[in-house]
């Protein structure tokens, strides 16, 4: 995953769904690959976070206040990463934007149980 390490999460996303796409690989596992390949090693661009159904549910819920839903496109993934950085910075959290991902994951899992 050279692309994510050298150019950030957006380029990593494009690589996963471009020429090197593995049939059956979806955003949940793909973004996990990006995260583990590039979060600590990313030198340029946005650092990758996981975007699976459990994270997406609360992002697309009314509490998030987004005007457009987060889907499975590079622009949506990058928007989510920018939001995570902004939300992390707004709350002066100790740690990293991964905290935002985890904060979305837990309620998303609960919402899945209710569906």
C-alpha atoms as a PDB file:
ATOM      1  CA  UNK A   1       0.000   0.000   0.000  1.00  0.00           C
ATOM      2  CA  UNK A   2       2.654   2.384  -1.105  1.00  0.00           C
ATOM      3  CA  UNK A   3       0.032   4.914  -2.279  1.00  0.00           C
ATOM      4  CA  UNK A   4      -1.479   5.463   1.170  1.00  0.00           C
ATOM      5  CA  UNK A   5       1.944   5.799   2.789  1.00  0.00           C
ATOM      6  CA  UNK A   6       3.266   8.292   0.249  1.00  0.00           C
ATOM      7  CA  UNK A   7       0.172  10.244  -0.776  1.00  0.00           C
ATOM      8  CA  UNK A   8      -2.495   9.720   1.855  1.00  0.00           C
ATOM      9  CA  UNK A   9      -5.794   7.954   2.290  1.00  0.00           C
ATOM     10  CA  UNK A  10      -7.475   9.308  -0.842  1.00  0.00           C
ATOM     11  CA  UNK A  11      -4.785   7.880  -3.108  1.00  0.00           C
ATOM     12  CA  UNK A  12      -4.895   4.638  -1.157  1.00  0.00           C
ATOM     13  CA  UNK A  13      -8.673   4.470  -1.727  1.00  0.00           C
ATOM     14  CA  UNK A  14      -8.205   5.033  -5.451  1.00  0.00           C
ATOM     15  CA  UNK A  15      -5.535   2.338  -5.596  1.00  0.00           C
ATOM     16  CA  UNK A  16      -7.775  -0.202  -3.847  1.00  0.00           C
ATOM     17  CA  UNK A  17     -10.627   0.376  -6.274  1.00  0.00           C
ATOM     18  CA  UNK A  18      -8.464   0.972  -9.338  1.00  0.00           C
ATOM     19  CA  UNK A  19      -6.103  -1.338 -11.189  1.00  0.00           C
ATOM     20  CA  UNK A  20      -5.211  -3.397  -8.114  1.00  0.00           C
ATOM     21  CA  UNK A  21      -8.805  -3.995  -6.984  1.00  0.00           C
ATOM     22  CA  UNK A  22      -9.467  -7.437  -5.536  1.00  0.00           C
ATOM     23  CA  UNK A  23     -12.957  -8.704  -6.433  1.00  0.00           C
ATOM     24  CA  UNK A  24     -15.100  -8.969  -3.314  1.00  0.00           C
ATOM     25  CA  UNK A  25     -13.008  -6.442  -1.380  1.00  0.00           C
ATOM     26  CA  UNK A  26     -15.370  -3.846   0.021  1.00  0.00           C
ATOM     27  CA  UNK A  27     -14.922  -0.613   1.936  1.00  0.00           C
ATOM     28  CA  UNK A  28     -14.969  -2.204   5.391  1.00  0.00           C
ATOM     29  CA  UNK A  29     -11.988  -4.472   4.806  1.00  0.00           C
ATOM     30  CA  UNK A  30     -10.361  -2.116   2.293  1.00  0.00           C
ATOM     31  CA  UNK A  31     -10.287   0.806   4.714  1.00  0.00           C
ATOM     32  CA  UNK A  32      -8.923  -1.499   7.411  1.00  0.00           C
ATOM     33  CA  UNK A  33      -6.063  -2.329   5.030  1.00  0.00           C
ATOM     34  CA  UNK A  34      -5.502   1.376   4.416  1.00  0.00           C
ATOM     35  CA  UNK A  35      -5.541   2.068   8.153  1.00  0.00           C
ATOM     36  CA  UNK A  36      -2.985  -0.595   9.033  1.00  0.00           C
ATOM     37  CA  UNK A  37      -0.776   0.209   6.030  1.00  0.00           C
ATOM     38  CA  UNK A  38      -0.774   3.951   6.374  1.00  0.00           C
ATOM     39  CA  UNK A  39      -1.978   5.451   9.645  1.00  0.00           C
ATOM     40  CA  UNK A  40       1.414   5.573  11.328  1.00  0.00           C
ATOM     41  CA  UNK A  41       3.403   5.672   8.068  1.00  0.00           C
ATOM     42  CA  UNK A  42       1.533   8.314   6.064  1.00  0.00           C
ATOM     43  CA  UNK A  43       3.895  11.144   5.106  1.00  0.00           C
ATOM     44  CA  UNK A  44       1.521  13.279   2.990  1.00  0.00           C
ATOM     45  CA  UNK A  45      -2.209  13.769   2.790  1.00  0.00           C
ATOM     46  CA  UNK A  46      -4.952  12.515   5.058  1.00  0.00           C
ATOM     47  CA  UNK A  47      -4.316   9.603   7.412  1.00  0.00           C
ATOM     48  CA  UNK A  48      -6.672   6.673   6.811  1.00  0.00           C
ATOM     49  CA  UNK A  49      -9.393   5.574   9.203  1.00  0.00           C
ATOM     50  CA  UNK A  50     -11.775   2.635   8.995  1.00  0.00           C
ATOM     51  CA  UNK A  51     -15.117   3.329   7.346  1.00  0.00           C
ATOM     52  CA  UNK A  52     -17.419   0.354   7.780  1.00  0.00           C
ATOM     53  CA  UNK A  53     -21.176   0.079   8.240  1.00  0.00           C
ATOM     54  CA  UNK A  54     -20.875   0.603  12.006  1.00  0.00           C
ATOM     55  CA  UNK A  55     -19.082   3.917  11.498  1.00  0.00           C
ATOM     56  CA  UNK A  56     -21.287   4.976   8.586  1.00  0.00           C
ATOM     57  CA  UNK A  57     -24.625   4.517  10.435  1.00  0.00           C
ATOM     58  CA  UNK A  58     -24.142   7.347  12.949  1.00  0.00           C
ATOM     59  CA  UNK A  59     -22.406   9.506  10.337  1.00  0.00           C
ATOM     60  CA  UNK A  60     -25.531   9.303   8.201  1.00  0.00           C
ATOM     61  CA  UNK A  61     -27.907   9.753  11.120  1.00  0.00           C
ATOM     62  CA  UNK A  62     -29.578  13.054  11.972  1.00  0.00           C
ATOM     63  CA  UNK A  63     -27.305  13.697  14.970  1.00  0.00           C
ATOM     64  CA  UNK A  64     -24.255  14.151  12.732  1.00  0.00           C
ATOM     65  CA  UNK A  65     -25.922  17.050  10.931  1.00  0.00           C
ATOM     66  CA  UNK A  66     -24.511  16.200   7.502  1.00  0.00           C
ATOM     67  CA  UNK A  67     -26.409  17.428   4.479  1.00  0.00           C
ATOM     68  CA  UNK A  68     -25.237  14.570   2.242  1.00  0.00           C
ATOM     69  CA  UNK A  69     -24.859  10.920   3.178  1.00  0.00           C
ATOM     70  CA  UNK A  70     -21.452   9.266   3.378  1.00  0.00           C
ATOM     71  CA  UNK A  71     -21.349   6.545   0.709  1.00  0.00           C
ATOM     72  CA  UNK A  72     -18.654   4.363  -0.828  1.00  0.00           C
ATOM     73  CA  UNK A  73     -16.792   6.883  -2.949  1.00  0.00           C
ATOM     74  CA  UNK A  74     -13.368   8.448  -2.564  1.00  0.00           C
ATOM     75  CA  UNK A  75     -14.850  11.920  -2.044  1.00  0.00           C
ATOM     76  CA  UNK A  76     -17.107  10.587   0.733  1.00  0.00           C
ATOM     77  CA  UNK A  77     -14.185   8.800   2.392  1.00  0.00           C
ATOM     78  CA  UNK A  78     -12.071  11.955   2.284  1.00  0.00           C
ATOM     79  CA  UNK A  79     -14.985  14.010   3.640  1.00  0.00           C
ATOM     80  CA  UNK A  80     -15.286  11.562   6.558  1.00  0.00           C
ATOM     81  CA  UNK A  81     -11.550  11.872   7.248  1.00  0.00           C
ATOM     82  CA  UNK A  82     -11.748  15.677   7.211  1.00  0.00           C
ATOM     83  CA  UNK A  83     -14.752  15.531   9.547  1.00  0.00           C
ATOM     84  CA  UNK A  84     -12.917  13.195  11.933  1.00  0.00           C
ATOM     85  CA  UNK A  85      -9.940  15.571  12.022  1.00  0.00           C
ATOM     86  CA  UNK A  86     -12.208  18.583  12.599  1.00  0.00           C
ATOM     87  CA  UNK A  87     -14.305  16.869  15.288  1.00  0.00           C
ATOM     88  CA  UNK A  88     -11.170  15.631  17.002  1.00  0.00           C
ATOM     89  CA  UNK A  89      -9.644  19.121  16.965  1.00  0.00           C
ATOM     90  CA  UNK A  90     -12.884  20.792  18.117  1.00  0.00           C
ATOM     91  CA  UNK A  91     -12.971  18.677  21.251  1.00  0.00           C
ATOM     92  CA  UNK A  92      -9.253  18.961  22.110  1.00  0.00           C
ATOM     93  CA  UNK A  93      -9.038  15.231  22.713  1.00  0.00           C
ATOM     94  CA  UNK A  94      -5.890  13.531  23.854  1.00  0.00           C
ATOM     95  CA  UNK A  95      -4.784  10.941  21.342  1.00  0.00           C
ATOM     96  CA  UNK A  96      -5.723  11.045  17.684  1.00  0.00           C
ATOM     97  CA  UNK A  97      -8.660  11.105  15.230  1.00  0.00           C
ATOM     98  CA  UNK A  98      -8.980   7.360  15.791  1.00  0.00           C
ATOM     99  CA  UNK A  99     -10.989   8.376  18.855  1.00  0.00           C
ATOM    100  CA  UNK A 100     -13.683   9.801  16.556  1.00  0.00           C
ATOM    101  CA  UNK A 101     -13.828   6.548  14.597  1.00  0.00           C
ATOM    102  CA  UNK A 102     -14.254   4.565  17.812  1.00  0.00           C
ATOM    103  CA  UNK A 103     -16.869   7.013  19.101  1.00  0.00           C
ATOM    104  CA  UNK A 104     -18.890   6.409  15.914  1.00  0.00           C
ATOM    105  CA  UNK A 105     -18.333   2.643  15.855  1.00  0.00           C
ATOM    106  CA  UNK A 106     -19.924   1.854  19.220  1.00  0.00           C
ATOM    107  CA  UNK A 107     -23.304   3.555  18.605  1.00  0.00           C
ATOM    108  CA  UNK A 108     -23.268   2.260  15.029  1.00  0.00           C
ATOM    109  CA  UNK A 109     -23.028  -1.279  16.339  1.00  0.00           C
ATOM    110  CA  UNK A 110     -25.963  -0.616  18.678  1.00  0.00           C
ATOM    111  CA  UNK A 111     -28.002   0.839  15.813  1.00  0.00           C
ATOM    112  CA  UNK A 112     -27.327  -2.341  13.806  1.00  0.00           C
ATOM    113  CA  UNK A 113     -28.789  -4.443  16.616  1.00  0.00           C
ATOM    114  CA  UNK A 114     -31.944  -2.317  16.553  1.00  0.00           C
ATOM    115  CA  UNK A 115     -32.486  -2.702  12.797  1.00  0.00           C
END
